[in-house]
Amino acid sequence: MHIVSIPFEEPLIISINGQVVQIIAFKTQEHGNIKFGVNAPRSINVHREEIYHAIKQKQQQALVE
């Protein structure tokens, strides 16, 4: 895993399978909290980690049944 520091509201641009994805960090009104914005093509699925794991778990259960 790589750790990257970026300024607030400046996009981090990455390439996934040749497609450009932008990730932007925003400050919030709550002290110590930030939010992320993701701009990605519709062909790339974007999920929070817990949602991603839930999807994978359902897919594994479907294979067993």
PDB file of N, CA and C in Angstrom:
ATOM      1  N   MET A   1       0.840  -1.170   0.000  1.00  0.00           N
ATOM      2  CA  MET A   1       0.000   0.000   0.000  1.00  0.00           C
ATOM      3  C   MET A   1       0.886   1.234   0.000  1.00  0.00           C
ATOM      4  N   HIS A   2       0.460   2.230  -0.762  1.00  0.00           N
ATOM      5  CA  HIS A   2       1.183   3.499  -0.821  1.00  0.00           C
ATOM      6  C   HIS A   2       0.397   4.553  -0.046  1.00  0.00           C
ATOM      7  N   ILE A   3       1.102   5.427   0.641  1.00  0.00           N
ATOM      8  CA  ILE A   3       0.474   6.545   1.334  1.00  0.00           C
ATOM      9  C   ILE A   3       0.830   7.804   0.566  1.00  0.00           C
ATOM     10  N   VAL A   4      -0.201   8.564   0.200  1.00  0.00           N
ATOM     11  CA  VAL A   4      -0.020   9.763  -0.601  1.00  0.00           C
ATOM     12  C   VAL A   4      -0.642  10.942   0.131  1.00  0.00           C
ATOM     13  N   SER A   5       0.075  12.053   0.209  1.00  0.00           N
ATOM     14  CA  SER A   5      -0.479  13.281   0.791  1.00  0.00           C
ATOM     15  C   SER A   5      -0.813  14.250  -0.332  1.00  0.00           C
ATOM     16  N   ILE A   6      -2.039  14.791  -0.282  1.00  0.00           N
ATOM     17  CA  ILE A   6      -2.453  15.775  -1.279  1.00  0.00           C
ATOM     18  C   ILE A   6      -3.103  16.946  -0.563  1.00  0.00           C
ATOM     19  N   PRO A   7      -2.995  18.143  -1.133  1.00  0.00           N
ATOM     20  CA  PRO A   7      -3.674  19.295  -0.544  1.00  0.00           C
ATOM     21  C   PRO A   7      -5.196  19.156  -0.696  1.00  0.00           C
ATOM     22  N   PHE A   8      -5.935  19.789   0.209  1.00  0.00           N
ATOM     23  CA  PHE A   8      -7.393  19.775   0.096  1.00  0.00           C
ATOM     24  C   PHE A   8      -7.831  20.411  -1.213  1.00  0.00           C
ATOM     25  N   GLU A   9      -8.872  19.834  -1.793  1.00  0.00           N
ATOM     26  CA  GLU A   9      -9.523  20.313  -3.011  1.00  0.00           C
ATOM     27  C   GLU A   9      -8.612  20.336  -4.227  1.00  0.00           C
ATOM     28  N   GLU A  10      -7.523  19.565  -4.191  1.00  0.00           N
ATOM     29  CA  GLU A  10      -6.672  19.370  -5.373  1.00  0.00           C
ATOM     30  C   GLU A  10      -6.785  17.905  -5.772  1.00  0.00           C
ATOM     31  N   PRO A  11      -7.088  17.607  -7.023  1.00  0.00           N
ATOM     32  CA  PRO A  11      -7.326  16.213  -7.404  1.00  0.00           C
ATOM     33  C   PRO A  11      -6.060  15.364  -7.424  1.00  0.00           C
ATOM     34  N   LEU A  12      -6.217  14.145  -6.944  1.00  0.00           N
ATOM     35  CA  LEU A  12      -5.213  13.102  -7.141  1.00  0.00           C
ATOM     36  C   LEU A  12      -5.709  12.333  -8.360  1.00  0.00           C
ATOM     37  N   ILE A  13      -4.924  12.296  -9.403  1.00  0.00           N
ATOM     38  CA  ILE A  13      -5.347  11.655 -10.650  1.00  0.00           C
ATOM     39  C   ILE A  13      -4.611  10.331 -10.784  1.00  0.00           C
ATOM     40  N   ILE A  14      -5.397   9.256 -10.930  1.00  0.00           N
ATOM     41  CA  ILE A  14      -4.826   7.925 -11.107  1.00  0.00           C
ATOM     42  C   ILE A  14      -5.421   7.295 -12.361  1.00  0.00           C
ATOM     43  N   SER A  15      -4.756   6.280 -12.857  1.00  0.00           N
ATOM     44  CA  SER A  15      -5.236   5.556 -14.021  1.00  0.00           C
ATOM     45  C   SER A  15      -5.542   4.120 -13.608  1.00  0.00           C
ATOM     46  N   ILE A  16      -6.756   3.666 -13.912  1.00  0.00           N
ATOM     47  CA  ILE A  16      -7.172   2.291 -13.636  1.00  0.00           C
ATOM     48  C   ILE A  16      -7.552   1.666 -14.974  1.00  0.00           C
ATOM     49  N   ASN A  17      -6.783   0.677 -15.373  1.00  0.00           N
ATOM     50  CA  ASN A  17      -7.012   0.027 -16.672  1.00  0.00           C
ATOM     51  C   ASN A  17      -7.094   1.046 -17.801  1.00  0.00           C
ATOM     52  N   GLY A  18      -6.239   2.060 -17.759  1.00  0.00           N
ATOM     53  CA  GLY A  18      -6.203   3.066 -18.811  1.00  0.00           C
ATOM     54  C   GLY A  18      -7.274   4.132 -18.701  1.00  0.00           C
ATOM     55  N   GLN A  19      -8.108   4.086 -17.662  1.00  0.00           N
ATOM     56  CA  GLN A  19      -9.156   5.091 -17.486  1.00  0.00           C
ATOM     57  C   GLN A  19      -8.776   6.030 -16.340  1.00  0.00           C
ATOM     58  N   VAL A  20      -9.029   7.308 -16.525  1.00  0.00           N
ATOM     59  CA  VAL A  20      -8.620   8.325 -15.549  1.00  0.00           C
ATOM     60  C   VAL A  20      -9.664   8.443 -14.441  1.00  0.00           C
ATOM     61  N   VAL A  21      -9.169   8.429 -13.187  1.00  0.00           N
ATOM     62  CA  VAL A  21     -10.011   8.598 -12.009  1.00  0.00           C
ATOM     63  C   VAL A  21      -9.422   9.725 -11.176  1.00  0.00           C
ATOM     64  N   GLN A  22     -10.294  10.641 -10.730  1.00  0.00           N
ATOM     65  CA  GLN A  22      -9.860  11.744  -9.872  1.00  0.00           C
ATOM     66  C   GLN A  22     -10.419  11.541  -8.473  1.00  0.00           C
ATOM     67  N   ILE A  23      -9.569  11.742  -7.463  1.00  0.00           N
ATOM     68  CA  ILE A  23      -9.979  11.666  -6.060  1.00  0.00           C
ATOM     69  C   ILE A  23      -9.649  13.018  -5.430  1.00  0.00           C
ATOM     70  N   ILE A  24     -10.657  13.626  -4.769  1.00  0.00           N
ATOM     71  CA  ILE A  24     -10.480  14.949  -4.187  1.00  0.00           C
ATOM     72  C   ILE A  24     -10.886  14.898  -2.711  1.00  0.00           C
ATOM     73  N   ALA A  25     -10.037  15.440  -1.835  1.00  0.00           N
ATOM     74  CA  ALA A  25     -10.335  15.510  -0.394  1.00  0.00           C
ATOM     75  C   ALA A  25     -10.902  16.892  -0.078  1.00  0.00           C
ATOM     76  N   PHE A  26     -11.995  16.913   0.690  1.00  0.00           N
ATOM     77  CA  PHE A  26     -12.642  18.151   1.093  1.00  0.00           C
ATOM     78  C   PHE A  26     -12.685  18.262   2.612  1.00  0.00           C
ATOM     79  N   LYS A  27     -12.470  19.473   3.122  1.00  0.00           N
ATOM     80  CA  LYS A  27     -12.654  19.714   4.556  1.00  0.00           C
ATOM     81  C   LYS A  27     -14.155  19.752   4.845  1.00  0.00           C
ATOM     82  N   THR A  28     -14.533  19.395   6.079  1.00  0.00           N
ATOM     83  CA  THR A  28     -15.927  19.485   6.494  1.00  0.00           C
ATOM     84  C   THR A  28     -16.037  20.478   7.646  1.00  0.00           C
ATOM     85  N   GLN A  29     -17.267  20.770   8.031  1.00  0.00           N
ATOM     86  CA  GLN A  29     -17.507  21.663   9.164  1.00  0.00           C
ATOM     87  C   GLN A  29     -17.125  21.003  10.483  1.00  0.00           C
ATOM     88  N   GLU A  30     -17.150  19.658  10.532  1.00  0.00           N
ATOM     89  CA  GLU A  30     -16.813  18.925  11.751  1.00  0.00           C
ATOM     90  C   GLU A  30     -15.299  18.842  11.897  1.00  0.00           C
ATOM     91  N   HIS A  31     -14.811  19.221  13.059  1.00  0.00           N
ATOM     92  CA  HIS A  31     -13.371  19.240  13.314  1.00  0.00           C
ATOM     93  C   HIS A  31     -12.776  17.837  13.154  1.00  0.00           C
ATOM     94  N   GLY A  32     -11.708  17.739  12.379  1.00  0.00           N
ATOM     95  CA  GLY A  32     -10.997  16.475  12.228  1.00  0.00           C
ATOM     96  C   GLY A  32     -11.569  15.536  11.185  1.00  0.00           C
ATOM     97  N   ASN A  33     -12.646  15.923  10.506  1.00  0.00           N
ATOM     98  CA  ASN A  33     -13.257  15.061   9.497  1.00  0.00           C
ATOM     99  C   ASN A  33     -13.007  15.616   8.101  1.00  0.00           C
ATOM    100  N   ILE A  34     -12.907  14.710   7.143  1.00  0.00           N
ATOM    101  CA  ILE A  34     -12.809  15.094   5.739  1.00  0.00           C
ATOM    102  C   ILE A  34     -13.751  14.209   4.934  1.00  0.00           C
ATOM    103  N   LYS A  35     -14.057  14.627   3.725  1.00  0.00           N
ATOM    104  CA  LYS A  35     -14.856  13.832   2.795  1.00  0.00           C
ATOM    105  C   LYS A  35     -14.058  13.689   1.506  1.00  0.00           C
ATOM    106  N   PHE A  36     -14.335  12.619   0.790  1.00  0.00           N
ATOM    107  CA  PHE A  36     -13.673  12.380  -0.484  1.00  0.00           C
ATOM    108  C   PHE A  36     -14.690  12.425  -1.613  1.00  0.00           C
ATOM    109  N   GLY A  37     -14.306  13.041  -2.697  1.00  0.00           N
ATOM    110  CA  GLY A  37     -15.090  13.000  -3.915  1.00  0.00           C
ATOM    111  C   GLY A  37     -14.338  12.154  -4.921  1.00  0.00           C
ATOM    112  N   VAL A  38     -15.070  11.369  -5.685  1.00  0.00           N
ATOM    113  CA  VAL A  38     -14.453  10.507  -6.691  1.00  0.00           C
ATOM    114  C   VAL A  38     -15.136  10.780  -8.024  1.00  0.00           C
ATOM    115  N   ASN A  39     -14.347  11.092  -9.013  1.00  0.00           N
ATOM    116  CA  ASN A  39     -14.842  11.293 -10.369  1.00  0.00           C
ATOM    117  C   ASN A  39     -14.255  10.174 -11.216  1.00  0.00           C
ATOM    118  N   ALA A  40     -15.119   9.228 -11.600  1.00  0.00           N
ATOM    119  CA  ALA A  40     -14.656   8.061 -12.353  1.00  0.00           C
ATOM    120  C   ALA A  40     -15.672   7.720 -13.447  1.00  0.00           C
ATOM    121  N   PRO A  41     -15.211   7.100 -14.524  1.00  0.00           N
ATOM    122  CA  PRO A  41     -16.148   6.640 -15.554  1.00  0.00           C
ATOM    123  C   PRO A  41     -17.136   5.633 -14.960  1.00  0.00           C
ATOM    124  N   ARG A  42     -18.320   5.565 -15.526  1.00  0.00           N
ATOM    125  CA  ARG A  42     -19.348   4.643 -15.019  1.00  0.00           C
ATOM    126  C   ARG A  42     -18.919   3.181 -15.093  1.00  0.00           C
ATOM    127  N   SER A  43     -17.970   2.882 -15.928  1.00  0.00           N
ATOM    128  CA  SER A  43     -17.511   1.496 -16.060  1.00  0.00           C
ATOM    129  C   SER A  43     -16.658   1.051 -14.866  1.00  0.00           C
ATOM    130  N   ILE A  44     -16.261   1.985 -14.009  1.00  0.00           N
ATOM    131  CA  ILE A  44     -15.472   1.660 -12.823  1.00  0.00           C
ATOM    132  C   ILE A  44     -16.373   1.766 -11.594  1.00  0.00           C
ATOM    133  N   ASN A  45     -16.514   0.670 -10.863  1.00  0.00           N
ATOM    134  CA  ASN A  45     -17.320   0.672  -9.642  1.00  0.00           C
ATOM    135  C   ASN A  45     -16.541   1.310  -8.500  1.00  0.00           C
ATOM    136  N   VAL A  46     -17.195   2.222  -7.777  1.00  0.00           N
ATOM    137  CA  VAL A  46     -16.578   2.900  -6.642  1.00  0.00           C
ATOM    138  C   VAL A  46     -17.449   2.649  -5.413  1.00  0.00           C
ATOM    139  N   HIS A  47     -16.866   2.009  -4.382  1.00  0.00           N
ATOM    140  CA  HIS A  47     -17.602   1.689  -3.154  1.00  0.00           C
ATOM    141  C   HIS A  47     -16.731   1.988  -1.947  1.00  0.00           C
ATOM    142  N   ARG A  48     -17.382   2.286  -0.825  1.00  0.00           N
ATOM    143  CA  ARG A  48     -16.656   2.338   0.439  1.00  0.00           C
ATOM    144  C   ARG A  48     -16.198   0.918   0.754  1.00  0.00           C
ATOM    145  N   GLU A  49     -15.183   0.802   1.599  1.00  0.00           N
ATOM    146  CA  GLU A  49     -14.585  -0.503   1.872  1.00  0.00           C
ATOM    147  C   GLU A  49     -15.595  -1.507   2.416  1.00  0.00           C
ATOM    148  N   GLU A  50     -16.443  -1.095   3.359  1.00  0.00           N
ATOM    149  CA  GLU A  50     -17.386  -2.051   3.952  1.00  0.00           C
ATOM    150  C   GLU A  50     -18.429  -2.510   2.931  1.00  0.00           C
ATOM    151  N   ILE A  51     -18.803  -1.651   2.002  1.00  0.00           N
ATOM    152  CA  ILE A  51     -19.741  -2.044   0.947  1.00  0.00           C
ATOM    153  C   ILE A  51     -19.064  -3.026  -0.009  1.00  0.00           C
ATOM    154  N   TYR A  52     -17.828  -2.760  -0.357  1.00  0.00           N
ATOM    155  CA  TYR A  52     -17.064  -3.652  -1.224  1.00  0.00           C
ATOM    156  C   TYR A  52     -16.986  -5.051  -0.617  1.00  0.00           C
ATOM    157  N   HIS A  53     -16.678  -5.134   0.691  1.00  0.00           N
ATOM    158  CA  HIS A  53     -16.586  -6.443   1.347  1.00  0.00           C
ATOM    159  C   HIS A  53     -17.940  -7.150   1.399  1.00  0.00           C
ATOM    160  N   ALA A  54     -19.009  -6.399   1.608  1.00  0.00           N
ATOM    161  CA  ALA A  54     -20.343  -7.001   1.618  1.00  0.00           C
ATOM    162  C   ALA A  54     -20.691  -7.573   0.244  1.00  0.00           C
ATOM    163  N   ILE A  55     -20.350  -6.864  -0.810  1.00  0.00           N
ATOM    164  CA  ILE A  55     -20.610  -7.351  -2.177  1.00  0.00           C
ATOM    165  C   ILE A  55     -19.823  -8.624  -2.435  1.00  0.00           C
ATOM    166  N   LYS A  56     -18.541  -8.632  -2.061  1.00  0.00           N
ATOM    167  CA  LYS A  56     -17.711  -9.818  -2.267  1.00  0.00           C
ATOM    168  C   LYS A  56     -18.247 -11.015  -1.475  1.00  0.00           C
ATOM    169  N   GLN A  57     -18.707 -10.765  -0.254  1.00  0.00           N
ATOM    170  CA  GLN A  57     -19.240 -11.848   0.577  1.00  0.00           C
ATOM    171  C   GLN A  57     -20.495 -12.437  -0.055  1.00  0.00           C
ATOM    172  N   LYS A  58     -21.378 -11.595  -0.592  1.00  0.00           N
ATOM    173  CA  LYS A  58     -22.589 -12.080  -1.265  1.00  0.00           C
ATOM    174  C   LYS A  58     -22.235 -12.888  -2.512  1.00  0.00           C
ATOM    175  N   GLN A  59     -21.210 -12.441  -3.240  1.00  0.00           N
ATOM    176  CA  GLN A  59     -20.791 -13.176  -4.433  1.00  0.00           C
ATOM    177  C   GLN A  59     -20.244 -14.556  -4.053  1.00  0.00           C
ATOM    178  N   GLN A  60     -19.477 -14.644  -2.975  1.00  0.00           N
ATOM    179  CA  GLN A  60     -18.939 -15.922  -2.525  1.00  0.00           C
ATOM    180  C   GLN A  60     -20.059 -16.846  -2.062  1.00  0.00           C
ATOM    181  N   GLN A  61     -21.062 -16.299  -1.356  1.00  0.00           N
ATOM    182  CA  GLN A  61     -22.198 -17.101  -0.902  1.00  0.00           C
ATOM    183  C   GLN A  61     -22.981 -17.643  -2.083  1.00  0.00           C
ATOM    184  N   ALA A  62     -23.137 -16.831  -3.126  1.00  0.00           N
ATOM    185  CA  ALA A  62     -23.858 -17.271  -4.317  1.00  0.00           C
ATOM    186  C   ALA A  62     -23.134 -18.410  -5.020  1.00  0.00           C
ATOM    187  N   LEU A  63     -21.812 -18.422  -4.963  1.00  0.00           N
ATOM    188  CA  LEU A  63     -21.049 -19.507  -5.576  1.00  0.00           C
ATOM    189  C   LEU A  63     -21.210 -20.810  -4.819  1.00  0.00           C
ATOM    190  N   VAL A  64     -21.370 -20.720  -3.509  1.00  0.00           N
ATOM    191  CA  VAL A  64     -21.509 -21.916  -2.661  1.00  0.00           C
ATOM    192  C   VAL A  64     -22.889 -22.526  -2.831  1.00  0.00           C
ATOM    193  N   GLU A  65     -23.892 -21.719  -3.030  1.00  0.00           N
ATOM    194  CA  GLU A  65     -25.281 -22.221  -3.133  1.00  0.00           C
ATOM    195  C   GLU A  65     -25.583 -22.868  -4.419  1.00  0.00           C
TER     196      GLU A  65
END
